[in-house]
Amino acid sequence: MEGKVWLIGGTSDSAAIARILITSEIVFIVTVVTQAALSLYSVNCETAVGCMDREKMQSFCHANQVKAIIDASHPYAVEVSHQAIAISNQLNIPYLRYERNSYQAQADASTNTSVIKLDSFETLLTGDYLKQQRVLLTVGCKALPLFQSWHNRATLFARILPKAASIETALVAGFTSDRLIAIRPPFNPAWEKALWQQWNISMVITKASGKAGGEDIKRQVAADLNVPLIIITRPQVAYPQQTDSISEVLAFCQQL
């Protein structure tokens, strides 16, 4: 069996990489955590679904004769990246991290006082940023349980994906149905602004998702409405190799 490139996926970026690999006739297999994420990929793409710890990753690499790893997982899925780096070192498999650039604000917006950058959710939650605010959370459902203790000190709203698991997570985390909106992005500035105004939002929390995650639109609306936008910056990981260029990903694979 010919060796395969292992594409760690689940993001729109990984789907773009998969299309390039298919066009270039590179043999690869993409892994995702959920069944729903498979919709990102072509039917011509070999896929595997499920969470893997380090032991399962090792077995996966042996079973598929993995000859290289392209890590295009979510920027905040740091445990996945840590495990993949460890496996690449253990099995001597070349590893490349692909991550789109963080959003770079325009020079004329550099003094925008509506944007506050914090290094972690812990920094946010141990401070007084949220106190007595009407807060819109656009951080993904997995982070919502972190805010559970704040329901009696702030009015919290959350925007989540329209999936049963996401809604269940939000409800368990203490969000009532009138403080949830389940909808799939992207959103245009007018829709984003209308939602903030409808709920009389006084603060928005998001992650550094770049333009693909609508960060530019949130920045724009925050400035227009003079609403503080708190951005949780990306975790810092010591990647052995990293690029933001899909053409470099292709060159990496072709060199094998």
Protein backbone atom coordinates (compact mmCIF):
# COMPACT_ATOMS: atom_id res chain seq x y z
CA MET A 1 0.00 0.00 0.00
CA GLU A 2 1.30 3.44 -0.95
CA GLY A 3 1.98 5.73 1.97
CA LYS A 4 -0.51 8.53 2.62
CA VAL A 5 -0.40 12.11 3.73
CA TRP A 6 -2.48 12.59 6.87
CA LEU A 7 -4.49 15.81 6.75
CA ILE A 8 -5.84 16.74 10.18
CA GLY A 9 -9.01 18.56 9.20
CA GLY A 10 -12.35 19.88 10.30
CA THR A 11 -11.81 23.46 9.13
CA SER A 12 -12.61 25.33 5.91
CA ASP A 13 -8.85 25.72 5.43
CA SER A 14 -8.36 21.95 5.49
CA ALA A 15 -11.11 21.56 2.88
CA ALA A 16 -9.25 23.95 0.58
CA ILE A 17 -6.05 21.95 1.11
CA ALA A 18 -7.91 18.71 0.36
CA ARG A 19 -9.11 20.09 -2.98
CA ILE A 20 -5.55 21.02 -3.95
CA LEU A 21 -4.24 17.58 -2.98
CA ILE A 22 -6.94 15.86 -5.02
CA THR A 23 -6.12 18.02 -8.07
CA SER A 24 -2.41 17.24 -7.63
CA GLU A 25 -3.13 13.49 -7.33
CA ILE A 26 -1.52 13.22 -3.91
CA VAL A 27 -2.70 10.23 -1.88
CA PHE A 28 -4.03 11.38 1.47
CA ILE A 29 -6.57 10.71 4.20
CA VAL A 30 -8.32 13.41 6.18
CA THR A 31 -9.50 12.99 9.76
CA VAL A 32 -12.27 14.93 11.47
CA VAL A 33 -13.79 14.72 14.92
CA THR A 34 -17.48 14.80 13.98
CA GLN A 35 -19.65 13.24 11.30
CA ALA A 36 -21.03 16.68 10.42
CA ALA A 37 -17.55 17.90 9.40
CA LEU A 38 -17.46 15.39 6.54
CA SER A 39 -19.70 17.71 4.51
CA LEU A 40 -16.65 19.94 3.96
CA TYR A 41 -14.94 17.36 1.77
CA SER A 42 -15.34 15.88 -1.69
CA VAL A 43 -16.79 12.39 -2.06
CA ASN A 44 -13.48 11.50 -3.74
CA CYS A 45 -11.66 12.16 -0.49
CA GLU A 46 -10.77 9.33 1.91
CA THR A 47 -11.89 10.26 5.41
CA ALA A 48 -11.96 8.95 8.97
CA VAL A 49 -14.13 10.21 11.82
CA GLY A 50 -13.50 10.25 15.55
CA CYS A 51 -11.38 11.59 18.38
CA MET A 52 -7.89 10.12 18.71
CA ASP A 53 -5.54 10.14 21.66
CA ARG A 54 -1.81 9.59 21.18
CA GLU A 55 -2.11 5.80 21.16
CA LYS A 56 -4.86 5.86 18.52
CA MET A 57 -2.86 8.34 16.44
CA GLN A 58 0.08 5.95 16.49
CA SER A 59 -2.10 3.04 15.37
CA PHE A 60 -3.68 5.24 12.68
CA CYS A 61 -0.26 6.19 11.29
CA HIS A 62 0.84 2.55 11.13
CA ALA A 63 -2.42 1.35 9.55
CA ASN A 64 -2.32 4.03 6.85
CA GLN A 65 1.45 4.07 6.37
CA VAL A 66 1.40 7.81 7.00
CA LYS A 67 4.41 9.48 5.41
CA ALA A 68 3.64 13.09 6.35
CA ILE A 69 1.28 15.06 8.59
CA ILE A 70 -0.44 18.29 7.60
CA ASP A 71 -2.05 19.79 10.66
CA ALA A 72 -4.88 22.09 9.57
CA SER A 73 -6.91 21.68 12.75
CA HIS A 74 -8.63 24.60 14.46
CA PRO A 75 -6.16 27.13 15.95
CA TYR A 76 -7.67 26.56 19.39
CA ALA A 77 -7.51 22.74 19.21
CA VAL A 78 -4.07 22.81 20.79
CA GLU A 79 -4.24 19.32 22.30
CA VAL A 80 -4.69 17.80 18.84
CA SER A 81 -1.62 19.66 17.60
CA HIS A 82 0.46 18.71 20.64
CA GLN A 83 -0.38 15.04 20.15
CA ALA A 84 0.30 15.14 16.41
CA ILE A 85 3.68 16.80 16.97
CA ALA A 86 4.57 14.13 19.54
CA ILE A 87 3.62 11.35 17.12
CA SER A 88 5.61 12.94 14.29
CA ASN A 89 8.68 13.01 16.53
CA GLN A 90 8.12 9.48 17.82
CA LEU A 91 7.63 7.94 14.37
CA ASN A 92 9.96 10.32 12.51
CA ILE A 93 7.18 11.55 10.23
CA PRO A 94 7.52 15.03 8.64
CA TYR A 95 5.01 17.51 10.13
CA LEU A 96 3.72 20.81 8.77
CA ARG A 97 1.26 23.14 10.49
CA TYR A 98 -1.04 25.17 8.25
CA GLU A 99 -2.76 28.12 9.88
CA ARG A 100 -4.32 31.13 8.23
CA ASN A 101 -2.96 34.50 9.24
CA SER A 102 -4.48 36.31 12.17
CA TYR A 103 -6.61 39.25 11.15
CA GLN A 104 -4.54 42.37 10.61
CA ALA A 105 -6.48 45.57 11.26
CA GLN A 106 -6.08 48.37 8.75
CA ALA A 107 -3.70 51.14 9.73
CA ASP A 108 -6.51 53.66 10.04
CA ALA A 109 -8.25 51.38 12.55
CA SER A 110 -5.18 50.79 14.72
CA THR A 111 -6.46 53.22 17.33
CA ASN A 112 -9.85 51.55 17.54
CA THR A 113 -10.51 51.54 21.27
CA SER A 114 -13.46 49.15 20.92
CA VAL A 115 -11.08 46.14 20.59
CA ILE A 116 -9.54 44.52 23.67
CA LYS A 117 -7.17 41.56 23.24
CA LEU A 118 -6.77 39.02 26.03
CA ASP A 119 -4.49 36.00 26.11
CA SER A 120 -6.97 33.47 27.50
CA PHE A 121 -10.48 32.80 28.77
CA GLU A 122 -8.98 32.57 32.24
CA THR A 123 -7.80 36.17 32.04
CA LEU A 124 -11.26 37.22 30.92
CA LEU A 125 -13.19 35.30 33.55
CA THR A 126 -11.01 36.19 36.53
CA GLY A 127 -11.30 39.89 35.76
CA ASP A 128 -14.28 42.24 35.96
CA TYR A 129 -14.73 42.66 32.21
CA LEU A 130 -18.18 41.03 32.13
CA LYS A 131 -19.63 42.47 35.32
CA GLN A 132 -23.12 43.94 34.80
CA GLN A 133 -22.72 43.76 31.01
CA ARG A 134 -25.07 42.40 28.37
CA VAL A 135 -22.61 40.04 26.71
CA LEU A 136 -22.82 38.26 23.37
CA LEU A 137 -20.58 35.19 23.24
CA THR A 138 -19.42 34.07 19.78
CA VAL A 139 -16.80 31.64 21.04
CA GLY A 140 -18.23 28.24 20.10
CA CYS A 141 -20.31 25.97 22.29
CA LYS A 142 -17.34 24.19 23.91
CA ALA A 143 -16.34 27.37 25.76
CA LEU A 144 -19.82 28.13 27.13
CA PRO A 145 -19.48 26.02 30.33
CA LEU A 146 -16.61 28.31 31.34
CA PHE A 147 -19.12 31.16 31.72
CA GLN A 148 -21.61 29.27 33.89
CA SER A 149 -20.64 31.06 37.10
CA TRP A 150 -21.20 34.44 35.47
CA HIS A 151 -24.96 34.12 34.88
CA ASN A 152 -25.73 35.91 38.15
CA ARG A 153 -23.26 38.74 37.49
CA ALA A 154 -23.95 39.51 33.83
CA THR A 155 -26.63 38.96 31.20
CA LEU A 156 -25.17 36.40 28.82
CA PHE A 157 -26.27 35.60 25.29
CA ALA A 158 -24.65 33.08 22.94
CA ARG A 159 -24.57 32.47 19.22
CA ILE A 160 -23.99 28.83 18.36
CA LEU A 161 -24.21 26.47 15.41
CA PRO A 162 -27.65 24.98 14.69
CA LYS A 163 -26.77 21.51 15.96
CA ALA A 164 -28.50 19.51 18.68
CA ALA A 165 -25.22 18.92 20.52
CA SER A 166 -24.39 22.64 20.53
CA ILE A 167 -27.83 23.57 21.85
CA GLU A 168 -27.65 20.90 24.54
CA THR A 169 -24.22 22.13 25.65
CA ALA A 170 -25.52 25.69 25.90
CA LEU A 171 -28.60 24.69 27.90
CA VAL A 172 -26.53 22.62 30.33
CA ALA A 173 -24.22 25.64 30.72
CA GLY A 174 -27.17 27.67 31.97
CA PHE A 175 -28.25 29.54 28.85
CA THR A 176 -32.03 29.79 28.46
CA SER A 177 -33.61 29.53 25.03
CA ASP A 178 -34.39 33.26 24.87
CA ARG A 179 -30.66 33.99 25.17
CA LEU A 180 -29.54 31.68 22.38
CA ILE A 181 -29.47 32.02 18.63
CA ALA A 182 -28.53 28.94 16.61
CA ILE A 183 -27.44 29.91 13.13
CA ARG A 184 -24.63 29.07 10.74
CA PRO A 185 -22.27 31.83 9.52
CA PRO A 186 -21.25 33.82 7.53
CA PHE A 187 -23.05 37.01 8.55
CA ASN A 188 -22.98 40.37 6.81
CA PRO A 189 -22.39 43.60 8.78
CA ALA A 190 -26.07 44.64 8.66
CA TRP A 191 -27.24 41.32 10.15
CA GLU A 192 -24.50 41.37 12.78
CA LYS A 193 -25.37 44.93 13.80
CA ALA A 194 -29.09 44.14 13.94
CA LEU A 195 -28.52 41.23 16.33
CA TRP A 196 -26.39 43.32 18.70
CA GLN A 197 -28.99 46.06 18.70
CA GLN A 198 -31.91 43.64 19.14
CA TRP A 199 -30.38 42.25 22.32
CA ASN A 200 -29.00 45.63 23.41
CA ILE A 201 -25.52 44.11 23.63
CA SER A 202 -22.93 46.10 25.56
CA MET A 203 -19.96 43.73 25.05
CA VAL A 204 -19.01 40.96 22.60
CA ILE A 205 -16.55 38.11 23.20
CA THR A 206 -14.97 36.30 20.26
CA LYS A 207 -11.85 34.39 19.27
CA ALA A 208 -9.12 35.49 16.86
CA SER A 209 -10.68 33.66 13.93
CA GLY A 210 -9.47 35.91 11.11
CA LYS A 211 -11.60 37.05 8.19
CA ALA A 212 -12.81 33.50 7.54
CA GLY A 213 -14.39 33.56 11.01
CA GLY A 214 -15.94 36.99 10.55
CA GLU A 215 -13.51 38.81 12.84
CA ASP A 216 -13.29 41.78 10.46
CA ILE A 217 -17.07 42.24 10.49
CA LYS A 218 -17.23 42.08 14.29
CA ARG A 219 -14.50 44.70 14.50
CA GLN A 220 -16.41 46.93 12.10
CA VAL A 221 -19.71 46.62 13.96
CA ALA A 222 -18.02 47.11 17.32
CA ALA A 223 -16.56 50.38 16.07
CA ASP A 224 -19.86 51.49 14.52
CA LEU A 225 -21.84 50.83 17.72
CA ASN A 226 -19.01 51.72 20.13
CA VAL A 227 -19.36 48.30 21.76
CA PRO A 228 -16.26 46.73 23.33
CA LEU A 229 -15.09 43.65 21.43
CA ILE A 230 -12.91 41.31 23.48
CA ILE A 231 -10.79 39.00 21.34
CA ILE A 232 -9.24 35.90 22.91
CA THR A 233 -5.95 35.54 21.06
CA ARG A 234 -4.75 32.25 19.63
CA PRO A 235 -2.86 29.86 21.92
CA GLN A 236 0.88 29.80 21.36
CA VAL A 237 2.19 26.42 20.17
CA ALA A 238 5.81 25.65 19.24
CA TYR A 239 5.16 24.10 15.81
CA PRO A 240 8.18 22.38 14.20
CA GLN A 241 7.19 23.85 10.81
CA GLN A 242 4.41 26.29 10.04
CA THR A 243 3.00 28.05 6.99
CA ASP A 244 0.03 30.16 5.95
CA SER A 245 0.48 29.31 2.27
CA ILE A 246 -1.40 26.44 0.63
CA SER A 247 1.16 26.42 -2.17
CA GLU A 248 3.83 25.67 0.46
CA VAL A 249 1.67 22.82 1.77
CA LEU A 250 1.58 21.39 -1.74
CA ALA A 251 5.35 21.76 -2.14
CA PHE A 252 5.84 20.00 1.21
CA CYS A 253 3.81 17.02 -0.03
CA GLN A 254 5.51 16.91 -3.42
CA GLN A 255 8.95 16.74 -1.83
CA LEU A 256 8.17 13.47 -0.08
